[in-house]
Amino acid sequence: MNYRHAFHAGNFGDVLKHIVLVALLERMTQKAKPMFFLDTHAGRGRYDLDAPAVARSREADRGIRRLSAAPDLPPLARRYVELVRDFEAANSSRIRFYPGSPRFAARLLRDTDRAALCELEAGEAEALRREFADDERFSVHRRDGYEALKGLLPPPERRALVLVDPPYETRQEELRKVADALVAAYGRWPQGVYVAWYPIKRAAPIGAMHRSLVARGLPSLLAVELSIHPEDNDAGMNGSGMLLVNPPWRIEEELAGTLPVVHAALAGQGAGGTRIERLAGD
């Protein structure tokens, strides 16, 4: 399973990922002290939803474009849609350009905050450098994101949100690498807030990863998932999830009031659903 950001921009996986990211960034920037944001697999920063490779799949039509047309969204989902619409270069009702995770961070981080964006693929890294050339808060690194966890943590700010969002070119191997990276990063710096995105094709491998992280001693762990297909569907991806280590206080309540409405907007009366579960900690 190859989940490159550019091929799936604006789909239902991005909707979940970026709603959770917005919730985390808004909560963490409420404190006066500066914070650090690290994106280990940052992509190129912006995506043209009308580009042939993206438009052919129509994933954004069933993701952000469908959600943006839904009425009566809860505040967090509405805020996410507003941020996407604000990213549009033209005042259009139809969303064409979609912001990657670094662009959401750029909108929500303050002047006193700092960010590091890692991308190993040369073309994507160069596009990312151009995207953030004028933002002094952001540094772009062409380096392996997993290695960057060792080199960039802990940060001088002593407060950080770390996003781990790899392409899952080999799903089982990537799940293992994500789990190992979270355990190692937490062991090196237990004060950080870590969040990892993952695709769901079958539930069993995800459950195994969750159990392994609990068994390896991560004391505060929250799973947040949204699926729009049944578990046994042969689609490439039936759902996706975000795994939060050290989630901010009461974020579960905000997500619980948001994700069922988002699911209904994306899937209607269809299959799938949402899951918010404390795997470890209170």
C-alpha atoms as a PDB file:
ATOM      1  CA  MET A   1       0.000   0.000   0.000  1.00  0.00           C
ATOM      2  CA  ASN A   2       1.607   3.244  -1.160  1.00  0.00           C
ATOM      3  CA  TYR A   3      -0.007   6.244   0.480  1.00  0.00           C
ATOM      4  CA  ARG A   4       1.841   9.230  -0.937  1.00  0.00           C
ATOM      5  CA  HIS A   5       0.357  12.513   0.224  1.00  0.00           C
ATOM      6  CA  ALA A   6      -0.014  13.961  -3.281  1.00  0.00           C
ATOM      7  CA  PHE A   7      -2.113  11.076  -4.602  1.00  0.00           C
ATOM      8  CA  HIS A   8      -4.680  11.204  -1.801  1.00  0.00           C
ATOM      9  CA  ALA A   9      -4.817  14.885  -0.869  1.00  0.00           C
ATOM     10  CA  GLY A  10      -8.122  15.972   0.616  1.00  0.00           C
ATOM     11  CA  ASN A  11      -9.552  12.477   1.020  1.00  0.00           C
ATOM     12  CA  PHE A  12     -11.319  11.199   4.140  1.00  0.00           C
ATOM     13  CA  GLY A  13      -7.981  10.222   5.676  1.00  0.00           C
ATOM     14  CA  ASP A  14      -6.740  13.786   5.350  1.00  0.00           C
ATOM     15  CA  VAL A  15     -10.016  15.046   6.809  1.00  0.00           C
ATOM     16  CA  LEU A  16      -9.475  13.021   9.989  1.00  0.00           C
ATOM     17  CA  LYS A  17      -5.767  13.793  10.154  1.00  0.00           C
ATOM     18  CA  HIS A  18      -6.181  17.526   9.844  1.00  0.00           C
ATOM     19  CA  ILE A  19      -9.204  17.845  12.109  1.00  0.00           C
ATOM     20  CA  VAL A  20      -7.165  16.170  14.847  1.00  0.00           C
ATOM     21  CA  LEU A  21      -4.112  18.295  13.998  1.00  0.00           C
ATOM     22  CA  VAL A  22      -6.157  21.500  14.223  1.00  0.00           C
ATOM     23  CA  ALA A  23      -7.548  20.408  17.598  1.00  0.00           C
ATOM     24  CA  LEU A  24      -4.050  19.673  18.918  1.00  0.00           C
ATOM     25  CA  LEU A  25      -2.479  22.890  17.654  1.00  0.00           C
ATOM     26  CA  GLU A  26      -5.292  25.072  18.942  1.00  0.00           C
ATOM     27  CA  ARG A  27      -5.072  23.515  22.399  1.00  0.00           C
ATOM     28  CA  MET A  28      -1.294  23.650  22.607  1.00  0.00           C
ATOM     29  CA  THR A  29      -1.073  27.287  21.500  1.00  0.00           C
ATOM     30  CA  GLN A  30      -3.406  28.366  24.295  1.00  0.00           C
ATOM     31  CA  LYS A  31      -0.432  28.286  26.663  1.00  0.00           C
ATOM     32  CA  ALA A  32       1.812  31.349  26.574  1.00  0.00           C
ATOM     33  CA  LYS A  33       5.102  29.449  26.333  1.00  0.00           C
ATOM     34  CA  PRO A  34       6.513  28.899  22.818  1.00  0.00           C
ATOM     35  CA  MET A  35       6.201  25.453  21.252  1.00  0.00           C
ATOM     36  CA  PHE A  36       7.937  23.413  18.569  1.00  0.00           C
ATOM     37  CA  PHE A  37       6.213  21.500  15.755  1.00  0.00           C
ATOM     38  CA  LEU A  38       7.974  18.618  13.999  1.00  0.00           C
ATOM     39  CA  ASP A  39       6.530  16.939  10.900  1.00  0.00           C
ATOM     40  CA  THR A  40       8.572  13.838  10.098  1.00  0.00           C
ATOM     41  CA  HIS A  41       7.099  13.182   6.628  1.00  0.00           C
ATOM     42  CA  ALA A  42       5.930  16.606   5.512  1.00  0.00           C
ATOM     43  CA  GLY A  43       5.290  16.171   1.780  1.00  0.00           C
ATOM     44  CA  ARG A  44       5.238  19.304  -0.377  1.00  0.00           C
ATOM     45  CA  GLY A  45       2.980  21.562   1.669  1.00  0.00           C
ATOM     46  CA  ARG A  46       0.181  22.193  -0.848  1.00  0.00           C
ATOM     47  CA  TYR A  47      -1.704  20.064  -3.358  1.00  0.00           C
ATOM     48  CA  ASP A  48      -3.655  20.836  -6.519  1.00  0.00           C
ATOM     49  CA  LEU A  49      -6.810  18.731  -6.340  1.00  0.00           C
ATOM     50  CA  ASP A  50      -7.332  19.204 -10.080  1.00  0.00           C
ATOM     51  CA  ALA A  51      -3.936  17.713 -10.957  1.00  0.00           C
ATOM     52  CA  PRO A  52      -4.483  14.585 -13.111  1.00  0.00           C
ATOM     53  CA  ALA A  53      -3.242  12.021 -10.577  1.00  0.00           C
ATOM     54  CA  VAL A  54      -5.466  13.459  -7.841  1.00  0.00           C
ATOM     55  CA  ALA A  55      -8.507  14.318  -9.945  1.00  0.00           C
ATOM     56  CA  ARG A  56      -8.615  10.843 -11.476  1.00  0.00           C
ATOM     57  CA  SER A  57      -9.293   9.184  -8.129  1.00  0.00           C
ATOM     58  CA  ARG A  58     -11.939  11.743  -7.067  1.00  0.00           C
ATOM     59  CA  GLU A  59     -10.937  11.087  -3.455  1.00  0.00           C
ATOM     60  CA  ALA A  60     -11.147  14.773  -2.571  1.00  0.00           C
ATOM     61  CA  ASP A  61     -14.700  14.880  -3.953  1.00  0.00           C
ATOM     62  CA  ARG A  62     -15.644  12.303  -1.329  1.00  0.00           C
ATOM     63  CA  GLY A  63     -13.518  13.983   1.335  1.00  0.00           C
ATOM     64  CA  ILE A  64     -12.958  17.692   1.898  1.00  0.00           C
ATOM     65  CA  ARG A  65     -15.263  18.825  -0.914  1.00  0.00           C
ATOM     66  CA  ARG A  66     -18.149  16.759   0.434  1.00  0.00           C
ATOM     67  CA  LEU A  67     -17.542  17.894   4.006  1.00  0.00           C
ATOM     68  CA  SER A  68     -17.300  21.545   2.995  1.00  0.00           C
ATOM     69  CA  ALA A  69     -20.829  21.344   1.551  1.00  0.00           C
ATOM     70  CA  ALA A  70     -22.336  19.807   4.697  1.00  0.00           C
ATOM     71  CA  PRO A  71     -24.601  22.016   6.846  1.00  0.00           C
ATOM     72  CA  ASP A  72     -24.445  22.502  10.606  1.00  0.00           C
ATOM     73  CA  LEU A  73     -20.923  21.275  11.227  1.00  0.00           C
ATOM     74  CA  PRO A  74     -19.654  21.338  14.830  1.00  0.00           C
ATOM     75  CA  PRO A  75     -17.122  24.084  15.672  1.00  0.00           C
ATOM     76  CA  LEU A  76     -13.946  22.025  15.200  1.00  0.00           C
ATOM     77  CA  ALA A  77     -14.996  20.670  11.792  1.00  0.00           C
ATOM     78  CA  ARG A  78     -16.184  24.115  10.748  1.00  0.00           C
ATOM     79  CA  ARG A  79     -12.836  25.609  11.776  1.00  0.00           C
ATOM     80  CA  TYR A  80     -10.996  22.982   9.711  1.00  0.00           C
ATOM     81  CA  VAL A  81     -13.107  23.720   6.625  1.00  0.00           C
ATOM     82  CA  GLU A  82     -12.557  27.463   7.095  1.00  0.00           C
ATOM     83  CA  LEU A  83      -8.786  26.954   7.192  1.00  0.00           C
ATOM     84  CA  VAL A  84      -8.937  24.977   3.950  1.00  0.00           C
ATOM     85  CA  ARG A  85     -11.100  27.620   2.277  1.00  0.00           C
ATOM     86  CA  ASP A  86      -8.782  30.400   3.459  1.00  0.00           C
ATOM     87  CA  PHE A  87      -5.942  28.606   1.677  1.00  0.00           C
ATOM     88  CA  GLU A  88      -7.647  29.059  -1.697  1.00  0.00           C
ATOM     89  CA  ALA A  89      -5.885  31.577  -3.927  1.00  0.00           C
ATOM     90  CA  ALA A  90      -9.186  32.513  -5.573  1.00  0.00           C
ATOM     91  CA  ASN A  91     -12.521  33.241  -3.957  1.00  0.00           C
ATOM     92  CA  SER A  92     -14.279  30.140  -5.254  1.00  0.00           C
ATOM     93  CA  SER A  93     -16.963  27.898  -3.823  1.00  0.00           C
ATOM     94  CA  ARG A  94     -15.107  24.873  -5.197  1.00  0.00           C
ATOM     95  CA  ILE A  95     -11.964  23.845  -3.348  1.00  0.00           C
ATOM     96  CA  ARG A  96      -9.022  23.341  -5.689  1.00  0.00           C
ATOM     97  CA  PHE A  97      -5.900  23.742  -3.551  1.00  0.00           C
ATOM     98  CA  TYR A  98      -5.515  21.715  -0.383  1.00  0.00           C
ATOM     99  CA  PRO A  99      -3.044  22.529   2.419  1.00  0.00           C
ATOM    100  CA  GLY A 100      -0.762  19.824   3.737  1.00  0.00           C
ATOM    101  CA  SER A 101      -0.094  19.445   7.453  1.00  0.00           C
ATOM    102  CA  PRO A 102       2.695  22.084   7.465  1.00  0.00           C
ATOM    103  CA  ARG A 103       0.283  24.674   6.095  1.00  0.00           C
ATOM    104  CA  PHE A 104      -2.202  24.055   8.897  1.00  0.00           C
ATOM    105  CA  ALA A 105       0.680  24.503  11.338  1.00  0.00           C
ATOM    106  CA  ALA A 106       1.718  27.743   9.643  1.00  0.00           C
ATOM    107  CA  ARG A 107      -1.763  29.178  10.163  1.00  0.00           C
ATOM    108  CA  LEU A 108      -2.079  28.146  13.800  1.00  0.00           C
ATOM    109  CA  LEU A 109       1.427  28.556  15.217  1.00  0.00           C
ATOM    110  CA  ARG A 110       2.351  31.948  16.669  1.00  0.00           C
ATOM    111  CA  ASP A 111       5.299  34.208  15.905  1.00  0.00           C
ATOM    112  CA  THR A 112       7.115  32.846  18.963  1.00  0.00           C
ATOM    113  CA  ASP A 113       6.725  29.215  17.883  1.00  0.00           C
ATOM    114  CA  ARG A 114       9.061  27.201  15.656  1.00  0.00           C
ATOM    115  CA  ALA A 115       8.675  24.285  13.240  1.00  0.00           C
ATOM    116  CA  ALA A 116      10.880  21.745  11.465  1.00  0.00           C
ATOM    117  CA  LEU A 117       9.636  19.938   8.368  1.00  0.00           C
ATOM    118  CA  CYS A 118      11.341  16.754   7.187  1.00  0.00           C
ATOM    119  CA  GLU A 119      10.967  15.237   3.724  1.00  0.00           C
ATOM    120  CA  LEU A 120      13.355  12.725   2.172  1.00  0.00           C
ATOM    121  CA  GLU A 121      12.099  12.688  -1.443  1.00  0.00           C
ATOM    122  CA  ALA A 122      14.077  15.292  -3.387  1.00  0.00           C
ATOM    123  CA  GLY A 123      11.281  16.807  -5.478  1.00  0.00           C
ATOM    124  CA  GLU A 124       8.896  17.058  -2.556  1.00  0.00           C
ATOM    125  CA  ALA A 125      11.591  18.565  -0.327  1.00  0.00           C
ATOM    126  CA  GLU A 126      12.412  21.231  -2.921  1.00  0.00           C
ATOM    127  CA  ALA A 127       8.732  22.141  -3.287  1.00  0.00           C
ATOM    128  CA  LEU A 128       8.504  22.342   0.495  1.00  0.00           C
ATOM    129  CA  ARG A 129      11.498  24.705   0.653  1.00  0.00           C
ATOM    130  CA  ARG A 130       9.860  27.000  -1.891  1.00  0.00           C
ATOM    131  CA  GLU A 131       6.581  26.883   0.001  1.00  0.00           C
ATOM    132  CA  PHE A 132       8.170  28.077   3.251  1.00  0.00           C
ATOM    133  CA  ALA A 133      11.026  30.221   1.947  1.00  0.00           C
ATOM    134  CA  ASP A 134       9.527  33.377   3.454  1.00  0.00           C
ATOM    135  CA  ASP A 135       8.507  31.962   6.839  1.00  0.00           C
ATOM    136  CA  GLU A 136      11.345  32.315   9.338  1.00  0.00           C
ATOM    137  CA  ARG A 137       9.568  30.106  11.863  1.00  0.00           C
ATOM    138  CA  PHE A 138       9.972  27.067   9.586  1.00  0.00           C
ATOM    139  CA  SER A 139      13.078  25.094   8.675  1.00  0.00           C
ATOM    140  CA  VAL A 140      12.970  22.417   5.969  1.00  0.00           C
ATOM    141  CA  HIS A 141      15.219  19.355   6.215  1.00  0.00           C
ATOM    142  CA  ARG A 142      15.787  16.806   3.484  1.00  0.00           C
ATOM    143  CA  ARG A 143      16.314  13.918   5.849  1.00  0.00           C
ATOM    144  CA  ASP A 144      14.740  10.709   7.063  1.00  0.00           C
ATOM    145  CA  GLY A 145      11.911  11.590   9.417  1.00  0.00           C
ATOM    146  CA  TYR A 146      12.555   8.717  11.792  1.00  0.00           C
ATOM    147  CA  GLU A 147      16.184   9.765  12.130  1.00  0.00           C
ATOM    148  CA  ALA A 148      15.044  13.336  12.753  1.00  0.00           C
ATOM    149  CA  LEU A 149      13.220  12.211  15.881  1.00  0.00           C
ATOM    150  CA  LYS A 150      16.612  11.368  17.328  1.00  0.00           C
ATOM    151  CA  GLY A 151      18.337  14.522  16.108  1.00  0.00           C
ATOM    152  CA  LEU A 152      15.711  17.193  16.824  1.00  0.00           C
ATOM    153  CA  LEU A 153      14.277  16.065  20.153  1.00  0.00           C
ATOM    154  CA  PRO A 154      14.091  17.309  22.816  1.00  0.00           C
ATOM    155  CA  PRO A 155      13.712  20.870  21.508  1.00  0.00           C
ATOM    156  CA  PRO A 156      14.894  23.979  23.371  1.00  0.00           C
ATOM    157  CA  GLU A 157      11.267  25.060  23.812  1.00  0.00           C
ATOM    158  CA  ARG A 158      10.569  21.956  25.944  1.00  0.00           C
ATOM    159  CA  ARG A 159       7.038  21.889  24.489  1.00  0.00           C
ATOM    160  CA  ALA A 160       6.380  20.124  21.190  1.00  0.00           C
ATOM    161  CA  LEU A 161       3.858  18.465  18.929  1.00  0.00           C
ATOM    162  CA  VAL A 162       5.374  15.758  16.742  1.00  0.00           C
ATOM    163  CA  LEU A 163       3.462  14.439  13.707  1.00  0.00           C
ATOM    164  CA  VAL A 164       4.553  11.078  12.268  1.00  0.00           C
ATOM    165  CA  ASP A 165       2.849  10.582   8.901  1.00  0.00           C
ATOM    166  CA  PRO A 166       4.801   8.221   6.600  1.00  0.00           C
ATOM    167  CA  PRO A 167       3.627   6.999   3.149  1.00  0.00           C
ATOM    168  CA  TYR A 168       3.060   3.349   4.178  1.00  0.00           C
ATOM    169  CA  GLU A 169       4.683   1.931   1.058  1.00  0.00           C
ATOM    170  CA  THR A 170       4.831  -1.402   2.887  1.00  0.00           C
ATOM    171  CA  ARG A 171       2.018  -1.285   5.406  1.00  0.00           C
ATOM    172  CA  GLN A 172       3.114  -3.925   7.918  1.00  0.00           C
ATOM    173  CA  GLU A 173       6.709  -2.733   7.953  1.00  0.00           C
ATOM    174  CA  GLU A 174       5.659   0.903   8.302  1.00  0.00           C
ATOM    175  CA  LEU A 175       3.320   0.122  11.205  1.00  0.00           C
ATOM    176  CA  ARG A 176       6.249  -1.515  12.985  1.00  0.00           C
ATOM    177  CA  LYS A 177       8.525   1.452  12.262  1.00  0.00           C
ATOM    178  CA  VAL A 178       5.915   3.908  13.529  1.00  0.00           C
ATOM    179  CA  ALA A 179       5.470   1.927  16.747  1.00  0.00           C
ATOM    180  CA  ASP A 180       9.231   1.690  17.272  1.00  0.00           C
ATOM    181  CA  ALA A 181       9.625   5.415  16.592  1.00  0.00           C
ATOM    182  CA  LEU A 182       6.939   6.387  19.098  1.00  0.00           C
ATOM    183  CA  VAL A 183       8.415   4.195  21.817  1.00  0.00           C
ATOM    184  CA  ALA A 184      11.950   5.467  21.184  1.00  0.00           C
ATOM    185  CA  ALA A 185      10.887   9.127  21.019  1.00  0.00           C
ATOM    186  CA  TYR A 186       8.871   8.836  24.209  1.00  0.00           C
ATOM    187  CA  GLY A 187      11.783   7.125  25.937  1.00  0.00           C
ATOM    188  CA  ARG A 188      14.093   9.945  24.878  1.00  0.00           C
ATOM    189  CA  TRP A 189      11.667  12.738  25.765  1.00  0.00           C
ATOM    190  CA  PRO A 190       8.479  11.746  27.638  1.00  0.00           C
ATOM    191  CA  GLN A 191       7.098  15.305  27.816  1.00  0.00           C
ATOM    192  CA  GLY A 192       6.319  15.612  24.091  1.00  0.00           C
ATOM    193  CA  VAL A 193       2.911  15.223  22.463  1.00  0.00           C
ATOM    194  CA  TYR A 194       3.204  12.680  19.645  1.00  0.00           C
ATOM    195  CA  VAL A 195       0.593  11.875  17.006  1.00  0.00           C
ATOM    196  CA  ALA A 196       0.864   9.249  14.267  1.00  0.00           C
ATOM    197  CA  TRP A 197      -1.492   8.756  11.331  1.00  0.00           C
ATOM    198  CA  TYR A 198      -2.168   5.251   9.983  1.00  0.00           C
ATOM    199  CA  PRO A 199      -4.363   3.717   7.248  1.00  0.00           C
ATOM    200  CA  ILE A 200      -6.863   0.974   8.084  1.00  0.00           C
ATOM    201  CA  LYS A 201      -7.398  -1.844   5.594  1.00  0.00           C
ATOM    202  CA  ARG A 202      -8.001  -4.572   8.163  1.00  0.00           C
ATOM    203  CA  ALA A 203      -8.505  -4.108  11.894  1.00  0.00           C
ATOM    204  CA  ALA A 204      -6.238  -6.939  13.080  1.00  0.00           C
ATOM    205  CA  PRO A 205      -2.837  -5.338  12.291  1.00  0.00           C
ATOM    206  CA  ILE A 206      -3.944  -2.071  13.883  1.00  0.00           C
ATOM    207  CA  GLY A 207      -5.103  -3.823  17.031  1.00  0.00           C
ATOM    208  CA  ALA A 208      -1.785  -5.651  17.227  1.00  0.00           C
ATOM    209  CA  MET A 209       0.119  -2.363  16.969  1.00  0.00           C
ATOM    210  CA  HIS A 210      -2.022  -0.791  19.690  1.00  0.00           C
ATOM    211  CA  ARG A 211      -1.497  -3.737  22.044  1.00  0.00           C
ATOM    212  CA  SER A 212       2.250  -3.709  21.439  1.00  0.00           C
ATOM    213  CA  LEU A 213       2.481  -0.027  22.362  1.00  0.00           C
ATOM    214  CA  VAL A 214       0.553  -0.583  25.580  1.00  0.00           C
ATOM    215  CA  ALA A 215       2.732  -3.588  26.407  1.00  0.00           C
ATOM    216  CA  ARG A 216       5.870  -1.535  25.769  1.00  0.00           C
ATOM    217  CA  GLY A 217       4.897   0.951  28.422  1.00  0.00           C
ATOM    218  CA  LEU A 218       3.442   4.054  26.791  1.00  0.00           C
ATOM    219  CA  PRO A 219       1.390   5.355  29.729  1.00  0.00           C
ATOM    220  CA  SER A 220      -0.986   7.780  27.964  1.00  0.00           C
ATOM    221  CA  LEU A 221      -2.361   6.641  24.620  1.00  0.00           C
ATOM    222  CA  LEU A 222      -5.499   7.577  22.667  1.00  0.00           C
ATOM    223  CA  ALA A 223      -6.746   6.017  19.409  1.00  0.00           C
ATOM    224  CA  VAL A 224      -8.986   8.098  17.131  1.00  0.00           C
ATOM    225  CA  GLU A 225     -10.390   6.443  14.000  1.00  0.00           C
ATOM    226  CA  LEU A 226     -12.821   7.172  11.173  1.00  0.00           C
ATOM    227  CA  SER A 227     -13.895   4.578   8.590  1.00  0.00           C
ATOM    228  CA  ILE A 228     -16.281   4.909   5.665  1.00  0.00           C
ATOM    229  CA  HIS A 229     -16.201   1.312   4.400  1.00  0.00           C
ATOM    230  CA  PRO A 230     -16.855  -2.009   6.176  1.00  0.00           C
ATOM    231  CA  GLU A 231     -13.836  -3.792   7.580  1.00  0.00           C
ATOM    232  CA  ASP A 232     -13.976  -6.603   4.994  1.00  0.00           C
ATOM    233  CA  ASN A 233     -14.249  -4.262   2.004  1.00  0.00           C
ATOM    234  CA  ASP A 234     -11.619  -4.769  -0.684  1.00  0.00           C
ATOM    235  CA  ALA A 235     -10.993  -1.044  -1.088  1.00  0.00           C
ATOM    236  CA  GLY A 236      -7.410   0.104  -0.714  1.00  0.00           C
ATOM    237  CA  MET A 237      -8.248   1.901   2.519  1.00  0.00           C
ATOM    238  CA  ASN A 238     -11.403   1.452   4.579  1.00  0.00           C
ATOM    239  CA  GLY A 239     -10.534   3.976   7.253  1.00  0.00           C
ATOM    240  CA  SER A 240      -7.696   5.724   8.996  1.00  0.00           C
ATOM    241  CA  GLY A 241      -6.625   6.565  12.496  1.00  0.00           C
ATOM    242  CA  MET A 242      -4.573   8.896  14.628  1.00  0.00           C
ATOM    243  CA  LEU A 243      -2.639   7.567  17.588  1.00  0.00           C
ATOM    244  CA  LEU A 244      -1.993  10.226  20.243  1.00  0.00           C
ATOM    245  CA  VAL A 245       0.712   9.874  22.877  1.00  0.00           C
ATOM    246  CA  ASN A 246       0.232  12.320  25.777  1.00  0.00           C
ATOM    247  CA  PRO A 247      -3.028  13.748  24.371  1.00  0.00           C
ATOM    248  CA  PRO A 248      -4.004  17.149  25.787  1.00  0.00           C
ATOM    249  CA  TRP A 249      -6.648  17.252  28.483  1.00  0.00           C
ATOM    250  CA  ARG A 250     -10.256  16.803  27.323  1.00  0.00           C
ATOM    251  CA  ILE A 251      -9.440  16.469  23.646  1.00  0.00           C
ATOM    252  CA  GLU A 252     -11.536  13.280  23.604  1.00  0.00           C
ATOM    253  CA  GLU A 253     -14.681  15.266  24.349  1.00  0.00           C
ATOM    254  CA  GLU A 254     -14.063  17.680  21.497  1.00  0.00           C
ATOM    255  CA  LEU A 255     -13.394  14.871  19.029  1.00  0.00           C
ATOM    256  CA  ALA A 256     -16.366  12.844  20.278  1.00  0.00           C
ATOM    257  CA  GLY A 257     -18.617  15.806  19.525  1.00  0.00           C
ATOM    258  CA  THR A 258     -17.129  16.239  16.054  1.00  0.00           C
ATOM    259  CA  LEU A 259     -16.282  12.957  14.359  1.00  0.00           C
ATOM    260  CA  PRO A 260     -19.751  11.323  14.259  1.00  0.00           C
ATOM    261  CA  VAL A 261     -21.045  14.381  12.387  1.00  0.00           C
ATOM    262  CA  VAL A 262     -18.061  14.246  10.030  1.00  0.00           C
ATOM    263  CA  HIS A 263     -18.671  10.542   9.404  1.00  0.00           C
ATOM    264  CA  ALA A 264     -22.333  11.177   8.629  1.00  0.00           C
ATOM    265  CA  ALA A 265     -21.346  13.902   6.163  1.00  0.00           C
ATOM    266  CA  LEU A 266     -18.797  11.697   4.393  1.00  0.00           C
ATOM    267  CA  ALA A 267     -20.503   8.301   4.513  1.00  0.00           C
ATOM    268  CA  GLY A 268     -24.181   9.206   4.902  1.00  0.00           C
ATOM    269  CA  GLN A 269     -26.013   6.129   6.098  1.00  0.00           C
ATOM    270  CA  GLY A 270     -23.200   3.983   4.790  1.00  0.00           C
ATOM    271  CA  ALA A 271     -20.779   1.674   6.560  1.00  0.00           C
ATOM    272  CA  GLY A 272     -17.873   2.410   8.824  1.00  0.00           C
ATOM    273  CA  GLY A 273     -18.012   4.658  11.838  1.00  0.00           C
ATOM    274  CA  THR A 274     -15.854   6.388  14.402  1.00  0.00           C
ATOM    275  CA  ARG A 275     -13.855   5.176  17.364  1.00  0.00           C
ATOM    276  CA  ILE A 276     -12.251   7.154  20.170  1.00  0.00           C
ATOM    277  CA  GLU A 277     -10.634   4.893  22.743  1.00  0.00           C
ATOM    278  CA  ARG A 278      -8.217   5.376  25.607  1.00  0.00           C
ATOM    279  CA  LEU A 279      -5.729   2.561  25.213  1.00  0.00           C
ATOM    280  CA  ALA A 280      -3.659   3.611  28.227  1.00  0.00           C
ATOM    281  CA  GLY A 281      -3.924   6.262  30.915  1.00  0.00           C
ATOM    282  CA  ASP A 282      -6.850   8.262  32.248  1.00  0.00           C
END
